[in-house]
Amino acid sequence: MAKVLLVCGSGASSGFMAAAGRKAAKKANADLEFKARSDSELGDFLQGVDLLLIAPHLKYMLHDAQEEADQYGVKVAIIPQKVYGALDGKGLVGFAADELAGK
């Protein structure tokens, strides 16, 4: 099972997004596990993660997050605003699967 970590400023909106992703992954029988944390906790939760997804309003932190994630071999991407803003769990599952597949 691929582990996906979502981060936002406080962890609240990414928590809602992760919940939508878990529901959609279960419905689609996708082998993905979604968790959410605040950006300040990032370093504490990267170990064992396959993909780090950053909330679109935090795209300014992409470079720093990538440097930290590289230490653990974790892929990093910005969640598309359309997916994040709509809490589109199905879209999140598809986006995460594509990122993990290198698309």
Protein backbone atom coordinates (compact mmCIF):
# COMPACT_ATOMS: atom_id res chain seq x y z
CA MET A 1 0.00 0.00 0.00
CA ALA A 2 1.36 3.40 -1.00
CA LYS A 3 1.43 5.94 1.79
CA VAL A 4 0.52 9.51 0.87
CA LEU A 5 1.05 12.44 3.24
CA LEU A 6 -0.86 15.68 2.68
CA VAL A 7 0.28 18.91 4.31
CA CYS A 8 -1.29 22.33 4.73
CA GLY A 9 -0.76 25.20 7.15
CA SER A 10 -2.54 23.82 10.20
CA GLY A 11 -3.44 20.33 9.04
CA ALA A 12 -7.18 21.04 9.06
CA SER A 13 -7.96 21.45 5.36
CA SER A 14 -5.52 18.70 4.42
CA GLY A 15 -7.30 16.52 6.98
CA PHE A 16 -10.59 17.02 5.13
CA MET A 17 -8.81 16.34 1.83
CA ALA A 18 -7.21 13.17 3.22
CA ALA A 19 -10.59 11.95 4.47
CA ALA A 20 -12.08 12.48 1.01
CA GLY A 21 -9.12 10.62 -0.48
CA ARG A 22 -9.54 7.68 1.90
CA LYS A 23 -13.22 7.41 1.05
CA ALA A 24 -12.57 7.56 -2.70
CA ALA A 25 -9.65 5.10 -2.47
CA LYS A 26 -11.83 2.61 -0.62
CA LYS A 27 -14.62 2.99 -3.17
CA ALA A 28 -12.15 2.55 -6.08
CA ASN A 29 -10.32 -0.27 -4.31
CA ALA A 30 -7.12 1.76 -4.75
CA ASP A 31 -4.07 0.70 -2.77
CA LEU A 32 -3.47 4.15 -1.26
CA GLU A 33 -3.35 5.34 2.34
CA PHE A 34 -3.87 9.08 2.96
CA LYS A 35 -2.77 10.94 6.09
CA ALA A 36 -2.60 14.66 6.83
CA ARG A 37 -0.36 16.86 8.95
CA SER A 38 0.53 20.52 9.30
CA ASP A 39 3.56 21.79 7.42
CA SER A 40 5.37 22.35 10.75
CA GLU A 41 5.24 18.57 11.42
CA LEU A 42 6.57 17.58 8.01
CA GLY A 43 9.98 16.33 9.13
CA ASP A 44 8.44 14.09 11.78
CA PHE A 45 6.26 12.14 9.36
CA LEU A 46 8.23 11.69 6.11
CA GLN A 47 9.84 8.38 6.97
CA GLY A 48 7.93 5.53 5.32
CA VAL A 49 5.93 7.87 3.07
CA ASP A 50 5.87 7.30 -0.70
CA LEU A 51 4.37 10.62 -1.78
CA LEU A 52 4.13 14.05 -0.19
CA LEU A 53 1.31 16.23 -1.48
CA ILE A 54 1.36 19.91 -0.61
CA ALA A 55 -1.74 22.11 -0.46
CA PRO A 56 -1.80 24.57 -3.38
CA HIS A 57 -1.71 27.62 -1.12
CA LEU A 58 1.67 26.40 0.22
CA LYS A 59 3.38 26.02 -3.15
CA TYR A 60 6.00 28.52 -1.97
CA MET A 61 7.40 25.78 0.30
CA LEU A 62 7.91 23.27 -2.53
CA HIS A 63 11.69 23.72 -2.73
CA ASP A 64 12.26 23.30 1.02
CA ALA A 65 9.85 20.36 1.23
CA GLN A 66 11.56 18.69 -1.73
CA GLU A 67 14.95 19.00 -0.06
CA GLU A 68 13.60 17.42 3.12
CA ALA A 69 11.71 14.69 1.25
CA ASP A 70 14.76 13.82 -0.85
CA GLN A 71 16.46 12.56 2.31
CA TYR A 72 13.79 9.84 2.49
CA GLY A 73 13.33 9.21 -1.24
CA VAL A 74 9.82 10.67 -1.13
CA LYS A 75 8.20 12.10 -4.27
CA VAL A 76 6.67 15.58 -3.86
CA ALA A 77 3.88 17.37 -5.75
CA ILE A 78 1.45 20.25 -5.34
CA ILE A 79 -2.20 19.21 -5.19
CA PRO A 80 -4.09 20.85 -8.09
CA GLN A 81 -6.25 23.76 -6.88
CA LYS A 82 -9.30 22.31 -8.66
CA VAL A 83 -8.98 19.04 -6.68
CA TYR A 84 -8.13 20.72 -3.36
CA GLY A 85 -10.76 23.45 -3.53
CA ALA A 86 -13.54 20.97 -4.28
CA LEU A 87 -12.31 18.35 -1.79
CA ASP A 88 -12.40 16.00 -4.77
CA GLY A 89 -11.40 12.65 -3.30
CA LYS A 90 -11.65 10.84 -6.62
CA GLY A 91 -9.47 13.49 -8.25
CA LEU A 92 -6.97 13.18 -5.41
CA VAL A 93 -6.76 9.41 -5.83
CA GLY A 94 -6.16 9.79 -9.56
CA PHE A 95 -3.58 12.53 -9.07
CA ALA A 96 -1.71 10.56 -6.39
CA ALA A 97 -1.74 7.40 -8.52
CA ASP A 98 -0.34 9.33 -11.50
CA GLU A 99 2.38 10.95 -9.39
CA LEU A 100 3.40 7.59 -7.91
CA ALA A 101 3.50 6.09 -11.41
CA GLY A 102 5.72 8.95 -12.61
CA LYS A 103 3.16 10.42 -15.02
